[in-house]
């Protein structure tokens, strides 16, 4: 899946600090909501991806890589793709995703919202 295809999905989970207006997770969550995507927030609002009460299309990692990896390892829900935002990537996350054959792209949803 590429960024254009990701933006055609409907159900997003933003993983990061979605409460602090200065954080990118906050901006991403609110811009997705403004464009009428279905959005849940994990990190400051929900504590686990497993608490999301809808089928997930896109997991957006906009969080410290150590915390992101922990949440991924605890996750039991299915999803179509992960978007790893700049700064949320790490060798450990990429290794975990590859070993578990989990689909991902390294990209930015803010860019996707502007382009598509």
N, C-alpha and C. Protein backbone atom coordinates (compact mmCIF):
# COMPACT_ATOMS: atom_id res chain seq x y z
N UNK A 1 0.85 -1.18 0.00
CA UNK A 1 0.00 0.00 0.00
C UNK A 1 0.89 1.24 0.00
N UNK A 2 0.50 2.23 -0.79
CA UNK A 2 1.23 3.50 -0.79
C UNK A 2 0.39 4.56 -0.07
N UNK A 3 0.90 5.77 0.02
CA UNK A 3 0.22 6.82 0.77
C UNK A 3 -1.13 7.17 0.15
N UNK A 4 -1.20 7.23 -1.16
CA UNK A 4 -2.47 7.55 -1.82
C UNK A 4 -3.52 6.49 -1.48
N UNK A 5 -3.14 5.23 -1.52
CA UNK A 5 -4.08 4.15 -1.18
C UNK A 5 -4.48 4.23 0.29
N UNK A 6 -3.54 4.57 1.16
CA UNK A 6 -3.84 4.69 2.59
C UNK A 6 -4.89 5.78 2.82
N UNK A 7 -4.79 6.88 2.10
CA UNK A 7 -5.72 7.98 2.29
C UNK A 7 -7.12 7.67 1.76
N UNK A 8 -7.25 6.59 1.01
CA UNK A 8 -8.57 6.17 0.53
C UNK A 8 -9.28 5.28 1.55
N UNK A 9 -8.58 4.90 2.60
CA UNK A 9 -9.18 4.11 3.68
C UNK A 9 -10.06 5.03 4.55
N UNK A 10 -10.85 4.45 5.43
CA UNK A 10 -11.79 5.25 6.22
C UNK A 10 -11.48 5.24 7.73
N UNK A 11 -10.97 4.14 8.26
CA UNK A 11 -10.82 3.96 9.71
C UNK A 11 -9.36 4.04 10.14
N UNK A 12 -9.02 5.12 10.84
CA UNK A 12 -7.65 5.40 11.24
C UNK A 12 -7.50 5.36 12.76
N UNK A 13 -6.35 4.88 13.20
CA UNK A 13 -5.97 4.97 14.61
C UNK A 13 -4.66 5.74 14.66
N UNK A 14 -4.69 6.89 15.33
CA UNK A 14 -3.49 7.71 15.50
C UNK A 14 -2.88 7.34 16.84
N UNK A 15 -1.64 6.88 16.82
CA UNK A 15 -0.95 6.46 18.03
C UNK A 15 0.07 7.54 18.39
N UNK A 16 -0.19 8.24 19.49
CA UNK A 16 0.70 9.32 19.91
C UNK A 16 -0.03 10.28 20.84
N UNK A 17 0.56 11.43 21.08
CA UNK A 17 -0.02 12.43 21.96
C UNK A 17 -1.00 13.29 21.17
N UNK A 18 -2.25 12.89 21.20
CA UNK A 18 -3.30 13.57 20.44
C UNK A 18 -4.00 14.66 21.25
N UNK A 19 -3.52 14.93 22.44
CA UNK A 19 -4.12 15.95 23.30
C UNK A 19 -3.34 17.27 23.25
N UNK A 20 -2.02 17.19 23.11
CA UNK A 20 -1.16 18.36 23.09
C UNK A 20 -1.19 19.00 21.70
N UNK A 21 -1.71 20.23 21.61
CA UNK A 21 -1.86 20.92 20.33
C UNK A 21 -0.55 21.11 19.57
N UNK A 22 0.57 21.04 20.25
CA UNK A 22 1.87 21.23 19.60
C UNK A 22 2.40 19.96 18.94
N UNK A 23 1.78 18.83 19.21
CA UNK A 23 2.27 17.55 18.70
C UNK A 23 1.64 17.22 17.35
N UNK A 24 2.41 16.52 16.53
CA UNK A 24 1.91 16.13 15.21
C UNK A 24 0.74 15.17 15.31
N UNK A 25 0.72 14.29 16.30
CA UNK A 25 -0.40 13.37 16.46
C UNK A 25 -1.71 14.13 16.63
N UNK A 26 -1.68 15.22 17.38
CA UNK A 26 -2.86 16.07 17.57
C UNK A 26 -3.31 16.64 16.22
N UNK A 27 -2.35 17.18 15.46
CA UNK A 27 -2.67 17.78 14.17
C UNK A 27 -3.23 16.75 13.20
N UNK A 28 -2.62 15.57 13.16
CA UNK A 28 -3.08 14.52 12.27
C UNK A 28 -4.49 14.08 12.64
N UNK A 29 -4.71 13.81 13.91
CA UNK A 29 -6.04 13.37 14.36
C UNK A 29 -7.11 14.38 13.96
N UNK A 30 -6.87 15.64 14.26
CA UNK A 30 -7.89 16.66 14.00
C UNK A 30 -8.09 16.94 12.52
N UNK A 31 -7.03 16.84 11.73
CA UNK A 31 -7.21 17.02 10.28
C UNK A 31 -7.95 15.84 9.66
N UNK A 32 -7.70 14.64 10.16
CA UNK A 32 -8.46 13.47 9.70
C UNK A 32 -9.93 13.65 10.04
N UNK A 33 -10.23 14.04 11.28
CA UNK A 33 -11.61 14.25 11.69
C UNK A 33 -12.29 15.34 10.85
N UNK A 34 -11.56 16.40 10.56
CA UNK A 34 -12.12 17.50 9.76
C UNK A 34 -12.50 17.04 8.35
N UNK A 35 -11.79 16.01 7.86
CA UNK A 35 -12.09 15.47 6.52
C UNK A 35 -13.02 14.27 6.61
N UNK A 36 -13.61 14.08 7.80
CA UNK A 36 -14.64 13.07 8.05
C UNK A 36 -14.17 11.62 7.98
N UNK A 37 -12.90 11.40 8.33
CA UNK A 37 -12.44 10.04 8.54
C UNK A 37 -12.93 9.58 9.91
N UNK A 38 -13.02 8.27 10.10
CA UNK A 38 -13.33 7.68 11.39
C UNK A 38 -11.99 7.52 12.12
N UNK A 39 -11.84 8.15 13.29
CA UNK A 39 -10.54 8.20 13.96
C UNK A 39 -10.65 7.84 15.43
N UNK A 40 -9.70 7.03 15.88
CA UNK A 40 -9.50 6.77 17.31
C UNK A 40 -8.07 7.18 17.64
N UNK A 41 -7.85 7.52 18.90
CA UNK A 41 -6.53 7.97 19.34
C UNK A 41 -6.03 7.08 20.47
N UNK A 42 -4.82 6.56 20.30
CA UNK A 42 -4.20 5.69 21.31
C UNK A 42 -2.93 6.35 21.80
N UNK A 43 -2.74 6.32 23.08
CA UNK A 43 -1.55 6.92 23.69
C UNK A 43 -1.95 7.74 24.89
N UNK A 44 -2.69 8.81 24.63
CA UNK A 44 -3.17 9.68 25.70
C UNK A 44 -4.67 9.50 25.94
N UNK A 45 -5.41 9.10 24.91
CA UNK A 45 -6.86 8.95 25.05
C UNK A 45 -7.21 7.50 25.36
N UNK A 46 -6.98 6.60 24.44
CA UNK A 46 -7.09 5.17 24.72
C UNK A 46 -5.69 4.66 25.07
N UNK A 47 -5.60 3.70 25.93
CA UNK A 47 -4.29 3.20 26.37
C UNK A 47 -3.74 2.09 25.49
N UNK A 48 -4.62 1.47 24.68
CA UNK A 48 -4.21 0.32 23.88
C UNK A 48 -4.94 0.32 22.54
N UNK A 49 -4.29 -0.18 21.53
CA UNK A 49 -4.93 -0.36 20.23
C UNK A 49 -6.11 -1.32 20.38
N UNK A 50 -6.00 -2.26 21.30
CA UNK A 50 -7.06 -3.24 21.52
C UNK A 50 -8.36 -2.61 22.01
N UNK A 51 -8.33 -1.39 22.51
CA UNK A 51 -9.53 -0.69 22.99
C UNK A 51 -10.33 -0.03 21.86
N UNK A 52 -9.77 0.04 20.67
CA UNK A 52 -10.47 0.67 19.55
C UNK A 52 -11.70 -0.18 19.22
N UNK A 53 -12.86 0.49 19.08
CA UNK A 53 -14.11 -0.25 18.93
C UNK A 53 -14.61 -0.34 17.48
N UNK A 54 -13.71 -0.20 16.52
CA UNK A 54 -14.08 -0.39 15.12
C UNK A 54 -12.96 -1.12 14.40
N UNK A 55 -13.27 -1.64 13.21
CA UNK A 55 -12.26 -2.30 12.38
C UNK A 55 -11.26 -1.25 11.90
N UNK A 56 -9.99 -1.56 12.03
CA UNK A 56 -8.93 -0.60 11.71
C UNK A 56 -8.41 -0.82 10.30
N UNK A 57 -8.36 0.27 9.54
CA UNK A 57 -7.71 0.23 8.24
C UNK A 57 -6.24 0.61 8.38
N UNK A 58 -5.99 1.77 9.02
CA UNK A 58 -4.64 2.33 9.08
C UNK A 58 -4.26 2.62 10.54
N UNK A 59 -3.12 2.09 10.95
CA UNK A 59 -2.50 2.45 12.23
C UNK A 59 -1.44 3.49 11.90
N UNK A 60 -1.55 4.66 12.49
CA UNK A 60 -0.58 5.73 12.24
C UNK A 60 0.30 5.89 13.46
N UNK A 61 1.57 5.52 13.33
CA UNK A 61 2.51 5.65 14.44
C UNK A 61 3.12 7.03 14.42
N UNK A 62 2.78 7.80 15.44
CA UNK A 62 3.28 9.16 15.60
C UNK A 62 3.70 9.30 17.07
N UNK A 63 4.59 8.39 17.47
CA UNK A 63 4.93 8.20 18.87
C UNK A 63 6.39 7.79 18.98
N UNK A 64 6.96 7.98 20.15
CA UNK A 64 8.32 7.51 20.41
C UNK A 64 8.42 6.04 19.98
N UNK A 65 9.47 5.68 19.23
CA UNK A 65 9.58 4.31 18.72
C UNK A 65 9.52 3.23 19.80
N UNK A 66 10.06 3.47 20.97
CA UNK A 66 10.03 2.46 22.04
C UNK A 66 8.59 2.21 22.48
N UNK A 67 7.83 3.29 22.69
CA UNK A 67 6.43 3.16 23.09
C UNK A 67 5.60 2.57 21.95
N UNK A 68 5.90 2.96 20.72
CA UNK A 68 5.19 2.43 19.57
C UNK A 68 5.37 0.93 19.43
N UNK A 69 6.60 0.47 19.61
CA UNK A 69 6.88 -0.96 19.51
C UNK A 69 6.13 -1.73 20.60
N UNK A 70 6.10 -1.19 21.80
CA UNK A 70 5.38 -1.83 22.90
C UNK A 70 3.90 -1.98 22.56
N UNK A 71 3.28 -0.92 22.05
CA UNK A 71 1.87 -0.98 21.68
C UNK A 71 1.62 -1.96 20.54
N UNK A 72 2.52 -2.01 19.58
CA UNK A 72 2.39 -2.98 18.48
C UNK A 72 2.46 -4.41 18.99
N UNK A 73 3.38 -4.67 19.89
CA UNK A 73 3.53 -6.03 20.42
C UNK A 73 2.33 -6.47 21.24
N UNK A 74 1.66 -5.53 21.90
CA UNK A 74 0.47 -5.85 22.70
C UNK A 74 -0.79 -5.98 21.84
N UNK A 75 -0.75 -5.45 20.63
CA UNK A 75 -1.94 -5.40 19.78
C UNK A 75 -2.42 -6.78 19.33
N UNK A 76 -3.74 -6.96 19.41
CA UNK A 76 -4.36 -8.19 18.93
C UNK A 76 -5.34 -7.92 17.80
N UNK A 77 -5.56 -6.66 17.47
CA UNK A 77 -6.51 -6.30 16.42
C UNK A 77 -5.84 -6.38 15.04
N UNK A 78 -6.66 -6.63 14.03
CA UNK A 78 -6.14 -6.65 12.66
C UNK A 78 -6.25 -5.25 12.06
N UNK A 79 -5.48 -5.01 11.04
CA UNK A 79 -5.47 -3.73 10.34
C UNK A 79 -4.94 -3.99 8.94
N UNK A 80 -5.11 -3.00 8.06
CA UNK A 80 -4.66 -3.16 6.68
C UNK A 80 -3.23 -2.68 6.46
N UNK A 81 -2.84 -1.63 7.20
CA UNK A 81 -1.50 -1.08 6.99
C UNK A 81 -1.10 -0.18 8.15
N UNK A 82 0.19 -0.04 8.33
CA UNK A 82 0.75 0.89 9.31
C UNK A 82 1.45 2.01 8.56
N UNK A 83 1.24 3.23 9.00
CA UNK A 83 2.00 4.36 8.49
C UNK A 83 2.93 4.80 9.61
N UNK A 84 4.22 4.78 9.33
CA UNK A 84 5.21 5.20 10.32
C UNK A 84 5.61 6.64 9.97
N UNK A 85 5.23 7.56 10.84
CA UNK A 85 5.54 8.97 10.64
C UNK A 85 7.04 9.23 10.83
N UNK A 86 7.58 10.27 10.21
CA UNK A 86 8.99 10.63 10.46
C UNK A 86 9.23 10.85 11.96
N UNK A 87 10.26 10.22 12.46
CA UNK A 87 10.60 10.31 13.88
C UNK A 87 10.03 9.18 14.72
N UNK A 88 9.09 8.42 14.17
CA UNK A 88 8.50 7.29 14.90
C UNK A 88 9.13 5.97 14.48
N UNK A 89 10.05 6.03 13.53
CA UNK A 89 10.67 4.82 13.02
C UNK A 89 11.87 4.42 13.88
N UNK A 90 12.18 3.13 13.84
CA UNK A 90 13.39 2.62 14.48
C UNK A 90 13.73 1.29 13.82
N UNK A 91 14.96 0.89 13.95
CA UNK A 91 15.36 -0.42 13.42
C UNK A 91 14.56 -1.54 14.06
N UNK A 92 14.26 -1.39 15.36
CA UNK A 92 13.52 -2.41 16.09
C UNK A 92 12.09 -2.56 15.56
N UNK A 93 11.44 -1.43 15.29
CA UNK A 93 10.07 -1.49 14.75
C UNK A 93 10.08 -2.14 13.37
N UNK A 94 10.97 -1.70 12.51
CA UNK A 94 11.04 -2.26 11.15
C UNK A 94 11.31 -3.76 11.22
N UNK A 95 12.24 -4.17 12.06
CA UNK A 95 12.55 -5.60 12.22
C UNK A 95 11.32 -6.36 12.69
N UNK A 96 10.61 -5.83 13.69
CA UNK A 96 9.41 -6.48 14.22
C UNK A 96 8.34 -6.62 13.13
N UNK A 97 8.12 -5.55 12.38
CA UNK A 97 7.10 -5.59 11.33
C UNK A 97 7.47 -6.59 10.24
N UNK A 98 8.72 -6.61 9.84
CA UNK A 98 9.16 -7.56 8.80
C UNK A 98 9.05 -9.00 9.28
N UNK A 99 9.52 -9.25 10.51
CA UNK A 99 9.47 -10.61 11.06
C UNK A 99 8.05 -11.13 11.18
N UNK A 100 7.11 -10.23 11.46
CA UNK A 100 5.71 -10.62 11.64
C UNK A 100 4.87 -10.40 10.38
N UNK A 101 5.55 -10.06 9.29
CA UNK A 101 4.91 -9.86 7.99
C UNK A 101 3.73 -8.89 8.07
N UNK A 102 3.96 -7.78 8.78
CA UNK A 102 2.95 -6.74 8.93
C UNK A 102 3.21 -5.63 7.91
N UNK A 103 2.20 -5.25 7.15
CA UNK A 103 2.38 -4.24 6.09
C UNK A 103 2.58 -2.84 6.68
N UNK A 104 3.52 -2.12 6.09
CA UNK A 104 3.78 -0.76 6.56
C UNK A 104 4.37 0.10 5.44
N UNK A 105 4.25 1.40 5.64
CA UNK A 105 4.96 2.37 4.81
C UNK A 105 5.53 3.43 5.75
N UNK A 106 6.62 4.02 5.35
CA UNK A 106 7.17 5.15 6.08
C UNK A 106 6.75 6.39 5.32
N UNK A 107 5.86 7.17 5.92
CA UNK A 107 5.31 8.33 5.23
C UNK A 107 4.69 9.28 6.24
N UNK A 108 3.96 10.28 5.74
CA UNK A 108 3.36 11.30 6.59
C UNK A 108 1.90 11.53 6.18
N UNK A 109 0.99 11.31 7.12
CA UNK A 109 -0.43 11.50 6.81
C UNK A 109 -0.77 12.96 6.54
N UNK A 110 -0.05 13.89 7.14
CA UNK A 110 -0.30 15.31 6.85
C UNK A 110 -0.08 15.60 5.36
N UNK A 111 0.96 14.99 4.81
CA UNK A 111 1.23 15.12 3.38
C UNK A 111 0.09 14.47 2.59
N UNK A 112 -0.30 13.28 3.02
CA UNK A 112 -1.40 12.58 2.36
C UNK A 112 -2.69 13.37 2.37
N UNK A 113 -2.98 14.01 3.49
CA UNK A 113 -4.20 14.82 3.59
C UNK A 113 -4.16 16.00 2.63
N UNK A 114 -3.00 16.56 2.42
CA UNK A 114 -2.87 17.69 1.50
C UNK A 114 -2.94 17.27 0.03
N UNK A 115 -2.34 16.12 -0.28
CA UNK A 115 -2.25 15.67 -1.66
C UNK A 115 -3.48 14.95 -2.16
N UNK A 116 -4.13 14.18 -1.27
CA UNK A 116 -5.21 13.30 -1.73
C UNK A 116 -6.50 13.59 -1.02
